[in-house]
Amino acid sequence: MQGFDEVKGQLLTEGGPVSGQVINIIAPQQADDFSRYNGLAAEHGWCPVNTQTLESLLVPDVHVIGDAAYAEKLPKSAFAATCQARVCALAIHSQMHGLAVLKPEYMNVCYSLCGDNYGISVLLHYRHDAASNVIEIETLRVTPLDADDEDYRREALSAYSMFDSLVKEAFG
């Protein structure tokens, strides 16, 4: 992107101007400035980690979780980040006390509220592959296209419940 012409409502690109009634500009995706300036980020812009412990592969004894972490196949979502936080905390505890590091389990769920009492979701379970350092997708469940109204209502209630739980865990 080269710029935006507010008067004409056009996005200016190398291929010419692009017009639209809604233009969503997404900033380049990469780890934050702190991570990049302190040697935690690789050339691709993310912080590579040992997916068993979330320890940086570039800076020993530093752990990275959340959006900055390059934990392959694990999405950048609040739910995935809280899962990473738990894995990381257990790994640090184990390392500090000379205990064996546990094999991590990851999952992610994304809810979409499509209307009043109408929700859908995607739920994934992952398994850690120590040899490749990749978190592989093991199972996937999506709200069925032929779900009934009660299923959609339960999905919406689950979305609100998950949000409330994440907020309470993060902020007390």
N, C-alpha and C. Protein backbone atom coordinates (compact mmCIF):
# COMPACT_ATOMS: atom_id res chain seq x y z
N MET A 1 0.85 -1.17 0.00
CA MET A 1 0.00 0.00 0.00
C MET A 1 0.89 1.23 0.00
N GLN A 2 0.54 2.18 -0.82
CA GLN A 2 1.31 3.42 -0.90
C GLN A 2 0.63 4.59 -0.20
N GLY A 3 -0.65 4.46 0.07
CA GLY A 3 -1.35 5.54 0.75
C GLY A 3 -2.84 5.41 0.59
N PHE A 4 -3.54 6.44 1.06
CA PHE A 4 -5.00 6.46 0.98
C PHE A 4 -5.43 7.86 0.62
N ASP A 5 -6.26 7.99 -0.42
CA ASP A 5 -6.82 9.26 -0.85
C ASP A 5 -8.19 9.40 -0.19
N GLU A 6 -8.25 10.20 0.89
CA GLU A 6 -9.50 10.34 1.65
C GLU A 6 -10.61 10.99 0.83
N VAL A 7 -10.25 11.95 -0.03
CA VAL A 7 -11.25 12.66 -0.82
C VAL A 7 -11.96 11.70 -1.78
N LYS A 8 -11.19 10.86 -2.48
CA LYS A 8 -11.77 9.93 -3.44
C LYS A 8 -12.15 8.59 -2.81
N GLY A 9 -11.74 8.36 -1.57
CA GLY A 9 -12.02 7.09 -0.92
C GLY A 9 -11.32 5.93 -1.60
N GLN A 10 -10.06 6.18 -1.98
CA GLN A 10 -9.31 5.16 -2.70
C GLN A 10 -8.04 4.77 -1.97
N LEU A 11 -7.76 3.49 -2.02
CA LEU A 11 -6.51 2.95 -1.51
C LEU A 11 -5.51 3.02 -2.66
N LEU A 12 -4.37 3.62 -2.42
CA LEU A 12 -3.36 3.77 -3.47
C LEU A 12 -2.36 2.63 -3.36
N THR A 13 -2.25 1.84 -4.43
CA THR A 13 -1.37 0.67 -4.44
C THR A 13 -0.44 0.72 -5.64
N GLU A 14 0.54 -0.17 -5.65
CA GLU A 14 1.46 -0.25 -6.78
C GLU A 14 0.72 -0.60 -8.06
N GLY A 15 -0.39 -1.32 -7.95
CA GLY A 15 -1.19 -1.71 -9.11
C GLY A 15 -2.22 -0.68 -9.51
N GLY A 16 -2.24 0.46 -8.84
CA GLY A 16 -3.21 1.51 -9.14
C GLY A 16 -4.18 1.69 -7.99
N PRO A 17 -5.05 2.69 -8.10
CA PRO A 17 -6.01 2.96 -7.02
C PRO A 17 -7.07 1.87 -6.93
N VAL A 18 -7.52 1.60 -5.69
CA VAL A 18 -8.56 0.62 -5.43
C VAL A 18 -9.67 1.35 -4.68
N SER A 19 -10.89 1.27 -5.21
CA SER A 19 -12.03 1.92 -4.59
C SER A 19 -12.89 0.89 -3.88
N GLY A 20 -13.60 1.35 -2.87
CA GLY A 20 -14.51 0.46 -2.16
C GLY A 20 -15.34 1.24 -1.17
N GLN A 21 -16.53 0.73 -0.87
CA GLN A 21 -17.35 1.39 0.12
C GLN A 21 -16.82 1.12 1.52
N VAL A 22 -16.20 -0.03 1.69
CA VAL A 22 -15.54 -0.37 2.95
C VAL A 22 -14.14 -0.86 2.59
N ILE A 23 -13.13 -0.22 3.14
CA ILE A 23 -11.75 -0.64 2.92
C ILE A 23 -11.13 -0.91 4.28
N ASN A 24 -10.71 -2.13 4.48
CA ASN A 24 -10.12 -2.53 5.76
C ASN A 24 -8.62 -2.62 5.59
N ILE A 25 -7.89 -1.73 6.24
CA ILE A 25 -6.44 -1.72 6.16
C ILE A 25 -5.88 -2.46 7.36
N ILE A 26 -5.17 -3.53 7.10
CA ILE A 26 -4.58 -4.34 8.16
C ILE A 26 -3.08 -4.08 8.17
N ALA A 27 -2.59 -3.67 9.31
CA ALA A 27 -1.15 -3.38 9.44
C ALA A 27 -0.34 -4.65 9.22
N PRO A 28 0.93 -4.51 8.81
CA PRO A 28 1.77 -5.69 8.65
C PRO A 28 1.81 -6.49 9.95
N GLN A 29 1.65 -7.79 9.83
CA GLN A 29 1.59 -8.65 10.99
C GLN A 29 2.99 -9.12 11.37
N GLN A 30 3.37 -8.84 12.60
CA GLN A 30 4.66 -9.26 13.13
C GLN A 30 4.68 -9.03 14.64
N ALA A 31 5.72 -9.54 15.27
CA ALA A 31 5.87 -9.33 16.71
C ALA A 31 6.06 -7.84 16.99
N ASP A 32 5.86 -7.46 18.23
CA ASP A 32 5.97 -6.07 18.65
C ASP A 32 7.41 -5.55 18.56
N ASP A 33 7.55 -4.23 18.66
CA ASP A 33 8.87 -3.60 18.58
C ASP A 33 9.82 -4.13 19.64
N PHE A 34 9.34 -4.29 20.88
CA PHE A 34 10.20 -4.78 21.96
C PHE A 34 10.84 -6.11 21.57
N SER A 35 10.04 -7.03 21.08
CA SER A 35 10.54 -8.35 20.71
C SER A 35 11.56 -8.26 19.58
N ARG A 36 11.26 -7.45 18.59
CA ARG A 36 12.18 -7.31 17.44
C ARG A 36 13.49 -6.64 17.87
N TYR A 37 13.42 -5.59 18.67
CA TYR A 37 14.62 -4.86 19.07
C TYR A 37 15.48 -5.62 20.06
N ASN A 38 14.92 -6.63 20.71
CA ASN A 38 15.68 -7.39 21.71
C ASN A 38 16.06 -8.79 21.26
N GLY A 39 16.04 -9.02 19.95
CA GLY A 39 16.55 -10.26 19.40
C GLY A 39 15.65 -11.47 19.55
N LEU A 40 14.40 -11.26 19.90
CA LEU A 40 13.47 -12.38 20.07
C LEU A 40 12.79 -12.79 18.76
N ALA A 41 12.72 -11.86 17.80
CA ALA A 41 12.03 -12.12 16.55
C ALA A 41 13.01 -12.56 15.47
N ALA A 42 12.57 -13.51 14.67
CA ALA A 42 13.37 -13.99 13.54
C ALA A 42 13.08 -13.10 12.33
N GLU A 43 13.72 -13.42 11.21
CA GLU A 43 13.56 -12.62 9.99
C GLU A 43 12.11 -12.56 9.52
N HIS A 44 11.31 -13.59 9.78
CA HIS A 44 9.92 -13.58 9.35
C HIS A 44 9.05 -12.68 10.22
N GLY A 45 9.61 -12.10 11.28
CA GLY A 45 8.88 -11.13 12.09
C GLY A 45 8.26 -11.66 13.36
N TRP A 46 8.29 -12.97 13.56
CA TRP A 46 7.70 -13.58 14.75
C TRP A 46 8.79 -14.15 15.65
N CYS A 47 8.43 -14.49 16.88
CA CYS A 47 9.38 -15.02 17.86
C CYS A 47 9.29 -16.55 17.89
N PRO A 48 10.27 -17.24 17.30
CA PRO A 48 10.22 -18.70 17.32
C PRO A 48 10.41 -19.24 18.73
N VAL A 49 9.60 -20.25 19.08
CA VAL A 49 9.63 -20.81 20.42
C VAL A 49 9.69 -22.32 20.37
N ASN A 50 10.17 -22.89 21.46
CA ASN A 50 10.06 -24.33 21.68
C ASN A 50 8.60 -24.55 22.05
N THR A 51 7.86 -25.28 21.25
CA THR A 51 6.42 -25.40 21.47
C THR A 51 6.07 -26.28 22.66
N GLN A 52 7.06 -26.90 23.29
CA GLN A 52 6.79 -27.66 24.51
C GLN A 52 6.80 -26.74 25.73
N THR A 53 7.64 -25.69 25.70
CA THR A 53 7.83 -24.82 26.86
C THR A 53 7.51 -23.35 26.60
N LEU A 54 7.40 -22.97 25.35
CA LEU A 54 7.24 -21.58 24.89
C LEU A 54 8.49 -20.75 25.15
N GLU A 55 9.62 -21.41 25.38
CA GLU A 55 10.89 -20.70 25.54
C GLU A 55 11.40 -20.26 24.17
N SER A 56 11.94 -19.07 24.12
CA SER A 56 12.49 -18.53 22.88
C SER A 56 13.57 -19.45 22.34
N LEU A 57 13.58 -19.63 21.03
CA LEU A 57 14.66 -20.38 20.39
C LEU A 57 15.85 -19.48 20.08
N LEU A 58 15.69 -18.18 20.30
CA LEU A 58 16.76 -17.23 20.00
C LEU A 58 17.43 -16.65 21.24
N VAL A 59 16.67 -16.52 22.34
CA VAL A 59 17.20 -15.95 23.57
C VAL A 59 16.87 -16.91 24.73
N PRO A 60 17.88 -17.60 25.26
CA PRO A 60 17.63 -18.57 26.33
C PRO A 60 16.97 -17.93 27.56
N ASP A 61 16.17 -18.72 28.25
CA ASP A 61 15.52 -18.33 29.50
C ASP A 61 14.47 -17.22 29.35
N VAL A 62 14.06 -16.95 28.14
CA VAL A 62 12.98 -16.00 27.89
C VAL A 62 11.84 -16.77 27.23
N HIS A 63 10.64 -16.58 27.74
CA HIS A 63 9.47 -17.28 27.20
C HIS A 63 8.57 -16.27 26.50
N VAL A 64 7.96 -16.69 25.41
CA VAL A 64 7.10 -15.82 24.61
C VAL A 64 5.76 -16.52 24.40
N ILE A 65 4.68 -15.80 24.71
CA ILE A 65 3.34 -16.35 24.49
C ILE A 65 2.50 -15.34 23.73
N GLY A 66 1.39 -15.79 23.24
CA GLY A 66 0.43 -14.90 22.59
C GLY A 66 0.79 -14.60 21.16
N ASP A 67 0.34 -13.44 20.70
CA ASP A 67 0.48 -13.09 19.29
C ASP A 67 1.92 -13.06 18.79
N ALA A 68 2.87 -12.69 19.63
CA ALA A 68 4.26 -12.60 19.18
C ALA A 68 4.90 -13.97 18.94
N ALA A 69 4.40 -14.99 19.61
CA ALA A 69 5.00 -16.33 19.53
C ALA A 69 4.74 -16.98 18.19
N TYR A 70 5.79 -17.56 17.62
CA TYR A 70 5.64 -18.36 16.41
C TYR A 70 5.55 -19.81 16.86
N ALA A 71 4.31 -20.23 17.12
CA ALA A 71 4.02 -21.60 17.53
C ALA A 71 3.19 -22.20 16.40
N GLU A 72 3.87 -22.77 15.45
CA GLU A 72 3.25 -23.14 14.17
C GLU A 72 1.97 -23.94 14.31
N LYS A 73 0.97 -23.49 13.58
CA LYS A 73 -0.39 -24.01 13.46
C LYS A 73 -1.31 -23.60 14.60
N LEU A 74 -0.78 -22.97 15.64
CA LEU A 74 -1.64 -22.48 16.72
C LEU A 74 -2.05 -21.05 16.37
N PRO A 75 -3.36 -20.77 16.30
CA PRO A 75 -3.81 -19.45 15.85
C PRO A 75 -3.53 -18.36 16.87
N LYS A 76 -3.62 -17.16 16.41
CA LYS A 76 -3.42 -16.00 17.26
C LYS A 76 -4.79 -15.55 17.75
N SER A 77 -5.20 -16.13 18.87
CA SER A 77 -6.51 -15.81 19.45
C SER A 77 -6.34 -15.73 20.96
N ALA A 78 -7.29 -15.09 21.61
CA ALA A 78 -7.24 -14.96 23.07
C ALA A 78 -7.27 -16.33 23.74
N PHE A 79 -8.10 -17.22 23.23
CA PHE A 79 -8.20 -18.55 23.84
C PHE A 79 -6.87 -19.29 23.71
N ALA A 80 -6.27 -19.25 22.51
CA ALA A 80 -4.98 -19.92 22.31
C ALA A 80 -3.91 -19.31 23.20
N ALA A 81 -3.92 -17.99 23.37
CA ALA A 81 -2.93 -17.33 24.22
C ALA A 81 -3.07 -17.76 25.68
N THR A 82 -4.30 -17.91 26.16
CA THR A 82 -4.46 -18.35 27.55
C THR A 82 -3.99 -19.80 27.71
N CYS A 83 -4.19 -20.59 26.69
CA CYS A 83 -3.69 -21.97 26.71
C CYS A 83 -2.16 -21.96 26.74
N GLN A 84 -1.54 -21.10 25.92
CA GLN A 84 -0.09 -20.97 25.93
C GLN A 84 0.41 -20.53 27.30
N ALA A 85 -0.29 -19.61 27.93
CA ALA A 85 0.12 -19.10 29.24
C ALA A 85 0.17 -20.23 30.26
N ARG A 86 -0.81 -21.11 30.22
CA ARG A 86 -0.83 -22.24 31.16
C ARG A 86 0.32 -23.20 30.89
N VAL A 87 0.53 -23.52 29.62
CA VAL A 87 1.64 -24.42 29.26
C VAL A 87 2.97 -23.80 29.69
N CYS A 88 3.13 -22.52 29.42
CA CYS A 88 4.36 -21.82 29.77
C CYS A 88 4.59 -21.80 31.28
N ALA A 89 3.56 -21.48 32.04
CA ALA A 89 3.69 -21.43 33.50
C ALA A 89 4.08 -22.80 34.06
N LEU A 90 3.46 -23.86 33.57
CA LEU A 90 3.82 -25.21 34.02
C LEU A 90 5.25 -25.56 33.64
N ALA A 91 5.67 -25.17 32.44
CA ALA A 91 7.04 -25.45 32.00
C ALA A 91 8.06 -24.71 32.85
N ILE A 92 7.81 -23.45 33.13
CA ILE A 92 8.73 -22.67 33.97
C ILE A 92 8.80 -23.28 35.37
N HIS A 93 7.66 -23.63 35.94
CA HIS A 93 7.64 -24.27 37.26
C HIS A 93 8.46 -25.55 37.25
N SER A 94 8.25 -26.38 36.24
CA SER A 94 8.98 -27.65 36.14
C SER A 94 10.48 -27.40 36.02
N GLN A 95 10.87 -26.45 35.17
CA GLN A 95 12.29 -26.15 34.98
C GLN A 95 12.92 -25.60 36.26
N MET A 96 12.22 -24.75 36.98
CA MET A 96 12.76 -24.15 38.21
C MET A 96 12.92 -25.17 39.33
N HIS A 97 12.09 -26.22 39.31
CA HIS A 97 12.12 -27.20 40.39
C HIS A 97 12.71 -28.54 39.97
N GLY A 98 13.37 -28.56 38.80
CA GLY A 98 14.04 -29.77 38.35
C GLY A 98 13.10 -30.92 38.02
N LEU A 99 11.88 -30.62 37.65
CA LEU A 99 10.90 -31.64 37.32
C LEU A 99 10.88 -31.87 35.81
N ALA A 100 10.39 -33.01 35.41
CA ALA A 100 10.23 -33.28 33.98
C ALA A 100 9.18 -32.33 33.41
N VAL A 101 9.47 -31.80 32.23
CA VAL A 101 8.52 -30.91 31.57
C VAL A 101 7.42 -31.76 30.96
N LEU A 102 6.19 -31.39 31.23
CA LEU A 102 5.06 -32.15 30.72
C LEU A 102 4.88 -31.98 29.22
N LYS A 103 4.27 -32.97 28.59
CA LYS A 103 3.92 -32.84 27.18
C LYS A 103 2.69 -31.94 27.12
N PRO A 104 2.78 -30.82 26.42
CA PRO A 104 1.67 -29.86 26.45
C PRO A 104 0.47 -30.33 25.64
N GLU A 105 -0.68 -29.84 26.04
CA GLU A 105 -1.90 -30.02 25.27
C GLU A 105 -2.45 -28.64 24.96
N TYR A 106 -2.80 -28.45 23.72
CA TYR A 106 -3.32 -27.16 23.28
C TYR A 106 -4.71 -27.36 22.69
N MET A 107 -5.51 -26.31 22.82
CA MET A 107 -6.79 -26.29 22.12
C MET A 107 -7.12 -24.83 21.82
N ASN A 108 -8.07 -24.65 20.93
CA ASN A 108 -8.53 -23.32 20.60
C ASN A 108 -10.00 -23.41 20.23
N VAL A 109 -10.75 -22.41 20.62
CA VAL A 109 -12.14 -22.31 20.21
C VAL A 109 -12.40 -20.87 19.82
N CYS A 110 -13.07 -20.71 18.70
CA CYS A 110 -13.48 -19.38 18.24
C CYS A 110 -14.98 -19.40 18.05
N TYR A 111 -15.64 -18.46 18.72
CA TYR A 111 -17.08 -18.32 18.59
C TYR A 111 -17.39 -17.10 17.74
N SER A 112 -18.46 -17.19 16.98
CA SER A 112 -18.97 -16.05 16.24
C SER A 112 -20.44 -15.90 16.60
N LEU A 113 -20.79 -14.71 17.07
CA LEU A 113 -22.19 -14.41 17.36
C LEU A 113 -22.79 -13.80 16.10
N CYS A 114 -23.77 -14.48 15.55
CA CYS A 114 -24.36 -14.07 14.28
C CYS A 114 -25.71 -13.38 14.46
N GLY A 115 -26.18 -13.30 15.67
CA GLY A 115 -27.46 -12.67 15.97
C GLY A 115 -27.85 -12.99 17.39
N ASP A 116 -29.00 -12.50 17.81
CA ASP A 116 -29.50 -12.82 19.14
C ASP A 116 -29.70 -14.33 19.26
N ASN A 117 -29.11 -14.91 20.28
CA ASN A 117 -29.24 -16.35 20.51
C ASN A 117 -28.82 -17.19 19.31
N TYR A 118 -27.85 -16.69 18.56
CA TYR A 118 -27.41 -17.41 17.36
C TYR A 118 -25.88 -17.35 17.30
N GLY A 119 -25.24 -18.46 17.64
CA GLY A 119 -23.79 -18.52 17.61
C GLY A 119 -23.32 -19.76 16.87
N ILE A 120 -22.10 -19.67 16.38
CA ILE A 120 -21.43 -20.81 15.75
C ILE A 120 -20.01 -20.87 16.29
N SER A 121 -19.36 -22.01 16.13
CA SER A 121 -18.01 -22.11 16.67
C SER A 121 -17.14 -23.07 15.85
N VAL A 122 -15.85 -22.91 16.07
CA VAL A 122 -14.83 -23.81 15.56
C VAL A 122 -13.99 -24.22 16.77
N LEU A 123 -13.86 -25.51 17.00
CA LEU A 123 -13.11 -26.03 18.14
C LEU A 123 -12.02 -26.96 17.63
N LEU A 124 -10.79 -26.70 18.03
CA LEU A 124 -9.66 -27.53 17.60
C LEU A 124 -8.88 -28.04 18.80
N HIS A 125 -8.47 -29.28 18.71
CA HIS A 125 -7.54 -29.87 19.67
C HIS A 125 -6.24 -30.13 18.91
N TYR A 126 -5.14 -29.88 19.57
CA TYR A 126 -3.83 -30.02 18.94
C TYR A 126 -2.99 -31.02 19.73
N ARG A 127 -1.99 -31.57 19.06
CA ARG A 127 -1.01 -32.40 19.75
C ARG A 127 0.37 -31.84 19.42
N HIS A 128 1.22 -31.92 20.40
CA HIS A 128 2.58 -31.42 20.26
C HIS A 128 3.45 -32.48 19.60
N ASP A 129 4.16 -32.11 18.55
CA ASP A 129 5.11 -33.00 17.88
C ASP A 129 6.51 -32.51 18.22
N ALA A 130 7.14 -33.18 19.16
CA ALA A 130 8.46 -32.74 19.64
C ALA A 130 9.51 -32.78 18.53
N ALA A 131 9.43 -33.76 17.66
CA ALA A 131 10.44 -33.90 16.60
C ALA A 131 10.44 -32.71 15.64
N SER A 132 9.26 -32.22 15.27
CA SER A 132 9.18 -31.11 14.31
C SER A 132 8.98 -29.76 14.99
N ASN A 133 8.69 -29.75 16.29
CA ASN A 133 8.38 -28.53 17.04
C ASN A 133 7.12 -27.86 16.51
N VAL A 134 6.24 -28.64 15.90
CA VAL A 134 4.99 -28.13 15.36
C VAL A 134 3.84 -28.64 16.22
N ILE A 135 2.87 -27.78 16.41
CA ILE A 135 1.65 -28.15 17.12
C ILE A 135 0.65 -28.57 16.05
N GLU A 136 0.45 -29.87 15.93
CA GLU A 136 -0.38 -30.42 14.85
C GLU A 136 -1.86 -30.44 15.24
N ILE A 137 -2.72 -30.16 14.28
CA ILE A 137 -4.16 -30.25 14.50
C ILE A 137 -4.53 -31.72 14.61
N GLU A 138 -5.19 -32.06 15.72
CA GLU A 138 -5.60 -33.45 15.94
C GLU A 138 -7.09 -33.64 15.64
N THR A 139 -7.92 -32.75 16.14
CA THR A 139 -9.35 -32.84 15.85
C THR A 139 -9.91 -31.45 15.58
N LEU A 140 -10.96 -31.42 14.80
CA LEU A 140 -11.64 -30.18 14.43
C LEU A 140 -13.14 -30.42 14.53
N ARG A 141 -13.83 -29.49 15.18
CA ARG A 141 -15.29 -29.56 15.25
C ARG A 141 -15.85 -28.20 14.92
N VAL A 142 -16.78 -28.15 14.00
CA VAL A 142 -17.45 -26.90 13.65
C VAL A 142 -18.95 -27.09 13.88
N THR A 143 -19.63 -26.00 14.10
CA THR A 143 -21.08 -26.07 14.23
C THR A 143 -21.65 -26.60 12.91
N PRO A 144 -22.44 -27.65 12.97
CA PRO A 144 -22.99 -28.22 11.73
C PRO A 144 -23.88 -27.22 10.98
N LEU A 145 -23.85 -27.30 9.66
CA LEU A 145 -24.69 -26.42 8.85
C LEU A 145 -26.18 -26.68 9.09
N ASP A 146 -26.51 -27.90 9.48
CA ASP A 146 -27.92 -28.24 9.70
C ASP A 146 -28.31 -28.22 11.18
N ALA A 147 -27.56 -27.45 11.98
CA ALA A 147 -27.88 -27.35 13.42
C ALA A 147 -29.26 -26.74 13.60
N ASP A 148 -29.91 -27.09 14.70
CA ASP A 148 -31.23 -26.51 14.96
C ASP A 148 -31.09 -25.26 15.83
N ASP A 149 -32.18 -24.57 16.04
CA ASP A 149 -32.18 -23.31 16.79
C ASP A 149 -31.60 -23.47 18.19
N GLU A 150 -31.88 -24.60 18.84
CA GLU A 150 -31.37 -24.83 20.19
C GLU A 150 -29.84 -24.97 20.17
N ASP A 151 -29.30 -25.62 19.15
CA ASP A 151 -27.84 -25.73 19.02
C ASP A 151 -27.20 -24.35 18.86
N TYR A 152 -27.79 -23.51 18.03
CA TYR A 152 -27.27 -22.16 17.83
C TYR A 152 -27.37 -21.34 19.12
N ARG A 153 -28.45 -21.53 19.87
CA ARG A 153 -28.63 -20.82 21.15
C ARG A 153 -27.55 -21.26 22.13
N ARG A 154 -27.28 -22.57 22.20
CA ARG A 154 -26.24 -23.08 23.12
C ARG A 154 -24.86 -22.54 22.72
N GLU A 155 -24.61 -22.45 21.42
CA GLU A 155 -23.33 -21.90 20.97
C GLU A 155 -23.19 -20.45 21.42
N ALA A 156 -24.25 -19.67 21.31
CA ALA A 156 -24.21 -18.27 21.75
C ALA A 156 -23.95 -18.20 23.25
N LEU A 157 -24.64 -19.03 24.03
CA LEU A 157 -24.43 -19.05 25.48
C LEU A 157 -22.99 -19.45 25.82
N SER A 158 -22.45 -20.41 25.08
CA SER A 158 -21.06 -20.82 25.30
C SER A 158 -20.09 -19.68 24.99
N ALA A 159 -20.39 -18.91 23.96
CA ALA A 159 -19.54 -17.77 23.61
C ALA A 159 -19.49 -16.76 24.76
N TYR A 160 -20.66 -16.43 25.30
CA TYR A 160 -20.71 -15.49 26.42
C TYR A 160 -20.01 -16.05 27.65
N SER A 161 -20.20 -17.33 27.89
CA SER A 161 -19.57 -17.98 29.05
C SER A 161 -18.05 -17.97 28.92
N MET A 162 -17.55 -18.30 27.72
CA MET A 162 -16.11 -18.29 27.52
C MET A 162 -15.54 -16.88 27.71
N PHE A 163 -16.22 -15.89 27.15
CA PHE A 163 -15.76 -14.51 27.30
C PHE A 163 -15.70 -14.12 28.78
N ASP A 164 -16.76 -14.42 29.52
CA ASP A 164 -16.78 -14.10 30.95
C ASP A 164 -15.65 -14.79 31.70
N SER A 165 -15.38 -16.06 31.37
CA SER A 165 -14.30 -16.80 32.02
C SER A 165 -12.93 -16.20 31.71
N LEU A 166 -12.69 -15.86 30.45
CA LEU A 166 -11.40 -15.28 30.07
C LEU A 166 -11.18 -13.94 30.78
N VAL A 167 -12.22 -13.12 30.84
CA VAL A 167 -12.10 -11.82 31.52
C VAL A 167 -11.83 -12.02 33.01
N LYS A 168 -12.55 -12.94 33.62
CA LYS A 168 -12.37 -13.18 35.06
C LYS A 168 -10.96 -13.71 35.34
N GLU A 169 -10.47 -14.64 34.51
CA GLU A 169 -9.12 -15.18 34.70
C GLU A 169 -8.06 -14.10 34.51
N ALA A 170 -8.27 -13.23 33.54
CA ALA A 170 -7.27 -12.19 33.25
C ALA A 170 -7.28 -11.05 34.26
N PHE A 171 -8.46 -10.66 34.70
CA PHE A 171 -8.57 -9.45 35.51
C PHE A 171 -9.12 -9.66 36.92
N GLY A 172 -9.50 -10.91 37.23
CA GLY A 172 -9.99 -11.19 38.57
C GLY A 172 -11.45 -10.97 38.77
